[in-house]
Protein backbone atom coordinates (compact mmCIF):
# COMPACT_ATOMS: atom_id res chain seq x y z
CA MET A 1 -19.26 12.00 -3.24
CA LEU A 2 -20.19 8.34 -3.68
CA SER A 3 -23.56 9.36 -5.08
CA ALA A 4 -21.84 11.61 -7.63
CA ALA A 5 -19.82 8.65 -8.87
CA ILE A 6 -22.81 6.28 -8.90
CA ASP A 7 -24.83 8.82 -10.90
CA THR A 8 -22.38 8.32 -13.79
CA GLY A 9 -23.37 4.67 -14.09
CA ILE A 10 -20.68 2.80 -12.14
CA GLY A 11 -21.72 0.11 -9.67
CA PRO A 12 -21.96 0.80 -5.93
CA HIS A 13 -19.14 -1.64 -5.17
CA GLN A 14 -16.83 0.28 -7.52
CA ALA A 15 -17.68 3.70 -6.18
CA GLY A 16 -15.27 3.85 -3.25
CA ARG A 17 -12.28 2.74 -5.32
CA VAL A 18 -13.08 5.14 -8.14
CA VAL A 19 -13.70 8.17 -5.90
CA HIS A 20 -10.39 7.45 -4.14
CA ALA A 21 -8.60 7.30 -7.50
CA VAL A 22 -10.10 10.58 -8.77
CA LEU A 23 -9.62 12.58 -5.57
CA SER A 24 -6.11 11.43 -4.72
CA THR A 25 -4.87 11.67 -8.32
CA PHE A 26 -6.30 15.16 -8.77
CA LEU A 27 -4.98 16.44 -5.44
CA GLN A 28 -1.47 15.22 -6.27
CA ARG A 29 -1.53 17.95 -8.90
CA LEU A 30 -1.85 20.64 -6.20
CA PRO A 31 1.05 22.14 -4.20
CA GLU A 32 1.35 20.60 -0.75
CA GLY A 33 0.03 23.67 1.09
CA GLU A 34 -3.09 23.95 -1.04
CA ARG A 35 -3.63 20.21 -0.82
CA ARG A 36 -3.68 20.49 2.99
CA HIS A 37 -6.14 23.39 2.85
CA VAL A 38 -8.53 21.46 0.62
CA ALA A 39 -8.28 18.33 2.77
CA ALA A 40 -9.02 20.34 5.92
CA HIS A 41 -12.45 21.32 4.52
CA LEU A 42 -13.50 17.77 3.67
CA PRO A 43 -15.65 15.46 5.79
CA PRO A 44 -13.48 12.80 7.51
CA ASP A 45 -14.55 9.92 5.26
CA VAL A 46 -13.89 11.92 2.08
CA ARG A 47 -10.60 13.23 3.51
CA ARG A 48 -9.35 9.66 3.99
CA LEU A 49 -10.10 8.81 0.38
CA ALA A 50 -8.53 12.03 -0.87
CA THR A 51 -5.27 11.89 1.08
CA THR A 52 -4.34 8.22 0.50
CA ARG A 53 -1.95 8.26 -2.40
CA HIS A 54 -3.12 6.54 -5.59
CA ARG A 55 -0.51 4.95 -7.85
CA VAL A 56 -0.28 7.15 -10.95
CA GLY A 57 1.62 4.89 -13.32
CA ARG A 58 5.26 4.29 -14.02
CA SER A 59 6.28 7.92 -14.38
CA GLY A 60 4.74 8.95 -11.06
CA ARG A 61 4.24 12.43 -12.61
CA PRO A 62 1.08 14.33 -11.62
CA ALA A 63 -1.34 14.86 -14.50
CA ARG A 64 -1.15 18.14 -16.41
CA THR A 65 -4.12 17.65 -18.76
CA PRO A 66 -7.57 16.05 -18.56
CA ALA A 67 -6.31 13.28 -20.87
CA GLU A 68 -3.46 12.43 -18.48
CA LEU A 69 -5.81 12.56 -15.50
CA THR A 70 -8.24 10.24 -17.30
CA ALA A 71 -5.45 7.77 -18.14
CA GLN A 72 -4.34 7.64 -14.50
CA VAL A 73 -7.84 7.20 -13.13
CA MET A 74 -8.61 4.44 -15.65
CA THR A 75 -6.17 2.18 -13.77
CA ALA A 76 -8.42 2.25 -10.70
CA ASP A 77 -11.02 -0.19 -11.94
CA GLY A 78 -10.43 -1.02 -15.56
CA MET A 79 -12.79 1.71 -16.80
CA SER A 80 -13.03 2.99 -20.34
CA ALA A 81 -11.77 6.49 -21.10
CA GLU A 82 -15.33 7.71 -21.65
CA GLN A 83 -16.54 6.35 -18.32
CA ALA A 84 -13.48 7.68 -16.48
CA GLY A 85 -14.09 11.12 -17.96
CA ARG A 86 -17.68 11.17 -16.71
CA VAL A 87 -16.64 10.08 -13.22
CA ILE A 88 -13.84 12.64 -13.03
CA ALA A 89 -16.17 15.49 -13.95
CA ALA A 90 -18.81 14.32 -11.48
CA VAL A 91 -16.40 13.87 -8.56
CA LEU A 92 -14.56 17.14 -9.20
CA GLY A 93 -17.88 18.96 -9.37
CA ALA A 94 -18.92 17.45 -6.04
CA LEU A 95 -15.52 18.33 -4.58
CA ARG A 96 -15.84 21.97 -5.69
CA VAL A 97 -19.20 22.17 -3.92
CA LEU A 98 -17.61 20.85 -0.71
CA VAL A 99 -14.75 23.39 -0.71
CA PRO A 100 -16.18 26.69 -2.02
CA GLU A 101 -13.62 28.66 0.04
CA GLU A 102 -10.76 26.97 -1.81
CA ALA A 103 -12.25 26.77 -5.31
CA ALA A 104 -10.53 29.91 -6.64
CA ASP A 105 -7.20 29.04 -5.02
CA VAL A 106 -7.29 25.56 -6.54
CA ALA A 107 -8.02 27.01 -9.97
CA SER A 108 -5.10 29.42 -9.67
CA VAL A 109 -2.51 26.64 -9.28
CA LEU A 110 -3.80 24.24 -11.95
CA PRO A 111 -2.46 23.97 -15.51
CA ALA A 112 -4.74 25.65 -18.04
CA GLU A 113 -6.67 22.60 -19.29
CA LEU A 114 -7.21 21.18 -15.81
CA ARG A 115 -8.33 24.62 -14.61
CA VAL A 116 -11.09 24.63 -17.24
CA LEU A 117 -12.16 21.13 -16.16
CA TRP A 118 -12.23 22.21 -12.49
CA GLU A 119 -14.22 25.37 -13.16
CA THR A 120 -16.78 23.74 -15.48
CA ALA A 121 -17.32 20.35 -13.80
CA PRO A 122 -21.11 20.17 -13.33
CA GLY A 123 -21.26 19.15 -9.71
CA GLY A 124 -21.73 15.44 -10.19
CA ASN A 125 -25.17 15.48 -11.78
CA LEU A 126 -24.18 14.09 -15.16
CA ARG A 127 -26.83 11.41 -15.39
CA PRO A 128 -30.55 12.17 -15.22
CA PRO A 129 -32.73 10.09 -12.91
CA ASP A 130 -33.46 6.78 -14.59
CA ASP A 131 -35.72 3.82 -14.16
CA PRO A 132 -34.92 2.08 -10.85
CA ARG A 133 -35.29 -1.21 -12.71
CA GLU A 134 -31.99 -0.44 -14.44
CA ARG A 135 -30.44 -0.45 -10.97
CA GLY A 136 -31.93 -3.84 -10.07
CA GLY A 137 -34.88 -2.15 -8.39
CA ARG A 138 -32.64 -0.05 -6.09
CA SER A 139 -32.93 3.70 -5.65
CA ARG A 140 -29.85 5.92 -5.79
CA PRO A 141 -29.73 6.38 -1.96
CA GLU A 142 -29.85 2.59 -1.62
CA GLU A 143 -26.90 2.23 -3.97
CA VAL A 144 -24.94 4.87 -2.05
CA ALA A 145 -25.66 2.98 1.16
CA MET A 146 -24.49 -0.25 -0.47
CA ALA A 147 -21.21 1.33 -1.55
CA THR A 148 -20.56 2.74 1.92
CA ALA A 149 -21.47 -0.54 3.61
CA ALA A 150 -19.17 -2.55 1.34
CA LEU A 151 -16.24 -0.29 2.19
CA ASP A 152 -16.99 -0.26 5.92
CA GLU A 153 -17.36 -4.04 6.11
CA GLY A 154 -14.00 -4.49 4.41
CA ALA A 155 -12.42 -1.97 6.79
CA ARG A 156 -13.70 -3.82 9.84
CA LEU A 157 -12.40 -7.13 8.56
CA ALA A 158 -9.03 -5.61 7.60
CA ARG A 159 -8.59 -4.04 11.02
CA ALA A 160 -9.39 -7.35 12.73
CA VAL A 161 -6.94 -9.30 10.56
CA VAL A 162 -4.08 -6.87 11.33
CA ARG A 163 -4.92 -6.94 15.02
CA GLN A 164 -4.95 -10.73 15.19
CA LEU A 165 -2.19 -11.75 12.81
CA GLY A 166 0.17 -8.81 13.17
CA GLY A 167 1.42 -6.25 10.66
CA ARG A 168 4.85 -5.37 9.37
CA PHE A 169 7.69 -7.66 10.40
CA SER A 170 9.91 -4.62 10.97
CA VAL A 171 7.49 -3.13 13.50
CA GLU A 172 7.34 -6.41 15.43
CA LEU A 173 11.13 -6.25 15.70
CA GLY A 174 10.98 -2.73 17.11
CA ILE A 175 12.24 -1.16 13.87
CA ASP A 176 10.71 2.09 12.58
CA VAL A 177 11.80 2.39 8.94
CA ASP A 178 10.03 5.77 8.71
CA ALA A 179 12.47 7.23 11.26
CA GLY A 180 15.58 7.44 9.08
CA ASP A 181 18.73 5.71 7.85
CA ALA A 182 19.71 4.04 11.12
CA GLU A 183 16.41 2.17 11.29
CA ILE A 184 16.57 1.25 7.60
CA ASP A 185 20.03 -0.20 8.26
CA ARG A 186 18.56 -2.35 11.05
CA TRP A 187 15.79 -3.54 8.73
CA PHE A 188 18.42 -4.38 6.10
CA VAL A 189 20.12 -6.75 8.58
CA ALA A 190 16.78 -8.26 9.60
CA ALA A 191 15.63 -8.82 6.01
CA THR A 192 18.92 -10.57 5.27
CA LEU A 193 18.21 -13.05 8.06
CA PHE A 194 14.56 -13.49 7.07
CA GLY A 195 15.64 -14.37 3.52
CA THR A 196 17.28 -17.60 4.70
CA ARG A 197 15.27 -20.85 4.60
CA ILE A 198 14.64 -20.87 8.32
CA SER A 199 11.63 -20.28 10.53
CA THR A 200 10.41 -16.76 11.22
CA THR A 201 10.84 -17.35 14.97
CA VAL A 202 14.52 -18.25 14.61
CA ALA A 203 15.16 -15.36 12.21
CA GLU A 204 13.58 -12.92 14.67
CA ARG A 205 15.63 -14.32 17.53
CA ALA A 206 18.83 -14.10 15.45
CA PHE A 207 18.14 -10.46 14.64
CA ARG A 208 17.56 -9.60 18.29
CA VAL A 209 20.81 -11.32 19.35
CA LEU A 210 22.83 -9.49 16.69
CA ASP A 211 21.09 -6.20 17.43
CA GLU A 212 21.69 -6.48 21.17
CA ASN A 213 25.35 -7.23 20.50
CA GLY A 214 25.90 -4.07 18.46
CA ILE A 215 25.37 -5.36 14.92
CA THR A 216 22.78 -2.75 14.01
CA ARG A 217 23.90 -2.27 10.41
CA ILE A 218 25.47 -4.62 7.93
CA ALA A 219 28.82 -2.84 8.10
CA HIS A 220 29.20 -4.05 11.69
CA ALA A 221 29.40 -7.64 10.44
CA SER A 222 32.79 -6.87 8.89
CA GLU A 223 34.01 -5.58 12.26
CA ARG A 224 33.50 -9.00 13.87
CA THR A 225 35.45 -12.15 13.21
CA TRP A 226 33.74 -15.00 11.43
CA SER A 227 33.92 -17.08 14.61
CA GLU A 228 32.23 -14.33 16.64
CA LEU A 229 29.35 -14.20 14.17
CA VAL A 230 28.98 -17.99 14.27
CA GLU A 231 28.84 -17.88 18.06
CA LEU A 232 26.12 -15.23 18.03
CA LEU A 233 24.07 -17.11 15.45
CA ASP A 234 24.40 -20.33 17.42
CA ALA A 235 23.10 -18.53 20.50
CA ALA A 236 20.00 -17.61 18.50
CA GLY A 237 19.37 -21.17 17.36
CA TYR A 238 20.71 -20.63 13.86
CA VAL A 239 22.80 -23.80 14.22
CA ARG A 240 22.13 -25.46 10.85
CA TYR A 241 22.92 -22.26 8.94
CA ASP A 242 25.47 -20.62 11.23
CA TYR A 243 28.61 -21.09 9.10
CA ARG A 244 26.89 -20.19 5.84
CA THR A 245 25.10 -17.16 7.29
CA ALA A 246 28.24 -15.81 9.00
CA THR A 247 30.01 -15.93 5.63
CA ARG A 248 27.01 -14.40 3.92
CA LEU A 249 26.86 -11.48 6.35
CA GLN A 250 30.54 -10.67 5.88
CA ASP A 251 30.36 -10.97 2.07
CA LEU A 252 27.28 -8.74 2.08
CA ALA A 253 28.98 -6.15 4.30
CA ALA A 254 31.94 -5.98 1.91
CA ALA A 255 29.72 -5.68 -1.17
CA VAL A 256 27.59 -2.88 0.32
CA ARG A 257 30.70 -1.00 1.45
CA ASP A 258 32.46 -1.30 -1.91
CA ARG A 259 29.43 -0.57 -4.12
CA TRP A 260 27.35 1.87 -2.08
CA GLY A 261 29.13 2.92 1.10
CA ALA A 262 26.08 2.12 3.24
CA ALA A 263 22.80 0.25 2.82
CA ALA A 264 20.69 3.41 3.13
CA GLU A 265 22.57 4.91 0.17
CA ILE A 266 21.09 2.33 -2.18
CA GLY A 267 17.58 3.74 -1.92
CA ARG A 268 18.82 7.31 -2.12
CA ARG A 269 20.83 6.79 -5.29
CA VAL A 270 18.58 4.34 -7.15
CA THR A 271 15.03 5.68 -7.53
CA ASP A 272 13.78 3.65 -10.48
CA PRO A 273 11.82 0.67 -9.07
CA ARG A 274 13.24 -1.88 -11.50
CA ASP A 275 16.81 -0.67 -11.10
CA LEU A 276 16.44 -0.65 -7.31
CA ALA A 277 15.15 -4.23 -7.22
CA ALA A 278 17.97 -5.30 -9.54
CA ALA A 279 20.62 -3.58 -7.41
CA LEU A 280 19.38 -5.35 -4.28
CA ASP A 281 19.00 -8.69 -6.06
CA ASP A 282 22.65 -8.42 -7.15
CA LEU A 283 23.86 -8.38 -3.53
CA PRO A 284 25.45 -11.57 -2.16
CA GLY A 285 22.85 -13.86 -0.61
CA TRP A 286 19.90 -11.69 -1.66
CA GLY A 287 17.22 -12.88 -4.04
CA PRO A 288 13.64 -12.02 -5.05
CA VAL A 289 12.16 -13.16 -1.72
CA THR A 290 14.51 -10.99 0.36
CA VAL A 291 14.19 -8.05 -2.02
CA GLY A 292 10.39 -8.21 -1.94
CA LEU A 293 10.21 -8.46 1.84
CA PHE A 294 12.65 -5.58 2.30
CA LEU A 295 11.10 -3.17 -0.21
CA ARG A 296 7.44 -3.76 0.61
CA GLU A 297 7.98 -2.36 4.09
CA LEU A 298 9.81 0.66 2.63
CA ARG A 299 6.90 1.87 0.50
CA GLY A 300 6.61 5.61 0.97
CA VAL A 301 10.15 5.78 2.41
CA TRP A 302 12.36 5.02 -0.59
CA PRO A 303 11.14 6.54 -3.89
CA GLY A 304 11.93 3.33 -5.75
CA ALA A 305 10.12 1.04 -3.31
CA CYS A 306 7.07 0.60 -5.54
CA LEU A 307 6.52 -3.14 -5.71
CA PRO A 308 3.09 -4.45 -6.66
CA LEU A 309 0.96 -6.10 -4.03
CA ASP A 310 2.51 -9.36 -2.83
CA PRO A 311 0.74 -12.19 -4.74
CA ARG A 312 0.19 -14.01 -1.45
CA ALA A 313 -1.48 -10.92 -0.01
CA ALA A 314 -3.68 -10.60 -3.12
CA GLU A 315 -4.71 -14.25 -2.79
CA ALA A 316 -5.55 -13.80 0.89
CA ALA A 317 -7.45 -10.56 0.19
CA ARG A 318 -9.61 -12.30 -2.38
CA HIS A 319 -10.18 -15.18 0.01
CA LEU A 320 -11.49 -12.70 2.58
CA GLY A 321 -13.55 -10.84 0.01
CA LEU A 322 -11.49 -7.66 0.26
CA LEU A 323 -10.66 -7.87 -3.45
CA GLY A 324 -12.85 -8.91 -6.32
CA ALA A 325 -11.78 -11.73 -8.62
CA SER A 326 -10.90 -9.30 -11.43
CA THR A 327 -9.93 -6.15 -9.52
CA PRO A 328 -7.00 -4.77 -11.57
CA ASP A 329 -5.49 -2.25 -9.14
CA ASP A 330 -4.96 -4.55 -6.17
CA LEU A 331 -2.54 -2.30 -4.29
CA GLY A 332 -4.69 0.80 -4.67
CA HIS A 333 -7.79 -0.95 -3.38
CA VAL A 334 -5.97 -2.51 -0.42
CA GLY A 335 -4.57 0.93 0.40
CA GLU A 336 -8.08 2.40 0.33
CA ILE A 337 -9.38 -0.29 2.70
CA ALA A 338 -6.41 0.27 5.01
CA THR A 339 -7.18 3.99 5.14
CA ARG A 340 -10.78 3.38 6.10
CA ALA A 341 -9.63 0.82 8.67
CA ALA A 342 -7.16 3.37 10.13
CA VAL A 343 -4.22 0.99 9.66
CA ASP A 344 -1.01 1.35 7.66
CA ALA A 345 -1.37 -0.24 4.22
CA ARG A 346 1.97 -1.98 4.76
CA ASP A 347 0.60 -3.57 7.93
CA LEU A 348 -2.47 -4.81 6.08
CA GLU A 349 -0.37 -6.30 3.30
CA ALA A 350 1.90 -8.05 5.82
CA ALA A 351 -1.12 -9.38 7.72
CA LEU A 352 -2.54 -10.77 4.49
CA VAL A 353 0.78 -12.47 3.72
CA ARG A 354 0.72 -13.99 7.21
CA LEU A 355 -2.81 -15.24 6.55
CA ALA A 356 -1.72 -16.85 3.27
CA LEU A 357 1.18 -18.57 5.02
CA ARG A 358 -1.03 -19.77 7.85
CA HIS A 359 -3.90 -20.95 5.68
CA ARG A 360 -2.97 -24.43 4.45
CA ARG A 361 -6.39 -25.47 3.10
CA PRO A 362 -8.02 -22.35 1.61
CA ALA A 363 -10.21 -24.37 -0.77
CA ALA A 364 -12.05 -25.94 2.17
CA CYS A 365 -12.58 -22.61 3.93
CA PRO A 366 -15.68 -20.45 3.33
CA GLY A 367 -13.56 -17.29 3.49
CA GLY A 368 -14.66 -13.78 4.39
CA HIS A 369 -15.74 -13.26 8.00
CA ALA A 370 -16.07 -17.04 8.33
CA CYS A 371 -12.42 -17.71 7.42
CA THR A 372 -11.21 -20.61 9.57
CA ALA A 373 -7.66 -19.24 9.80
CA VAL A 374 -8.86 -16.11 11.61
CA VAL A 375 -10.82 -16.45 14.84
CA HIS A 376 -13.23 -13.95 16.38
CA VAL A 377 -13.03 -11.52 13.46
CA ALA A 378 -15.34 -8.54 13.96
CA ARG A 379 -18.65 -8.89 12.15
CA PRO A 380 -20.23 -5.94 10.30
CA SER A 381 -22.50 -5.31 13.27
CA ASP A 382 -19.52 -4.78 15.63
């Protein structure tokens, strides 16, 4: 699959990102059952690229024509329409060869123009063999190996960073936002505490004290007296902010009750990303920092939780060499690396944010596997 992409003229370091974009974008067009059948026939490494969702633009609508598919794939690496078209045809042709048992079934569920593209894609051999000097003296197998090695090295480093620095803040608090409304309500309370100008350690301790004392959703704050909340916050070490935070929790509880009924209702009723961020930002005591923290860990849970990659995470990813200096689709590439590393993309993003917060002198650090803020990171030979 990588060789099919490289044969169209893209560089080996682009190949993984572009193949991921083509496969995942195309498969989003298929019904869920057929998508599972196709994925089941793929080699494990190709399956990971195919089943990690690629952002398809603001509408989120699966492509219905080759032009729409080309436009969506172009976001993967800043390609031209002509280059994206060549890569799409090559990768779809290679995919059809890998899943001959499903080829007819796939064709039967595609819109007419995409069906023609699927049935006529030439199997990835769009570019005749050329002079190796045009490839810097490398043969095609060498370029395929380079593309695979670049992805694998990034995966090893990503896995080590998550293991050492930790992933999602919600997971560390014992919250599983994928499990339903009750857990989202707990994360809503935690994010509220994290949004205050106080240390992460104190915010975590405050959440645990409130949680253990039955305040597992914001509505419970209105069922306690202000003095009771102050006492609980004091017990957690929230002394400097206890009065203000107790008031904030009760004001927030009233606003959520009056406007939405419950915190989990916000994400159900507001599915546009901008409107969702605005609705949360309008809550008492919430601002961009709290909104960003809350929504980034709800990607894939709430339809409107579609924030771009945290700028701190992007900075840390570039420092480690996981992102190129001009990589346009930061979130998609980080998601691809997370898939190959067998970690949740949200955990990788959170770990990168932690690295950015920990790293006080990035300019003096060599970065990559030699990053001074991360110790004993696995080397490519591990």
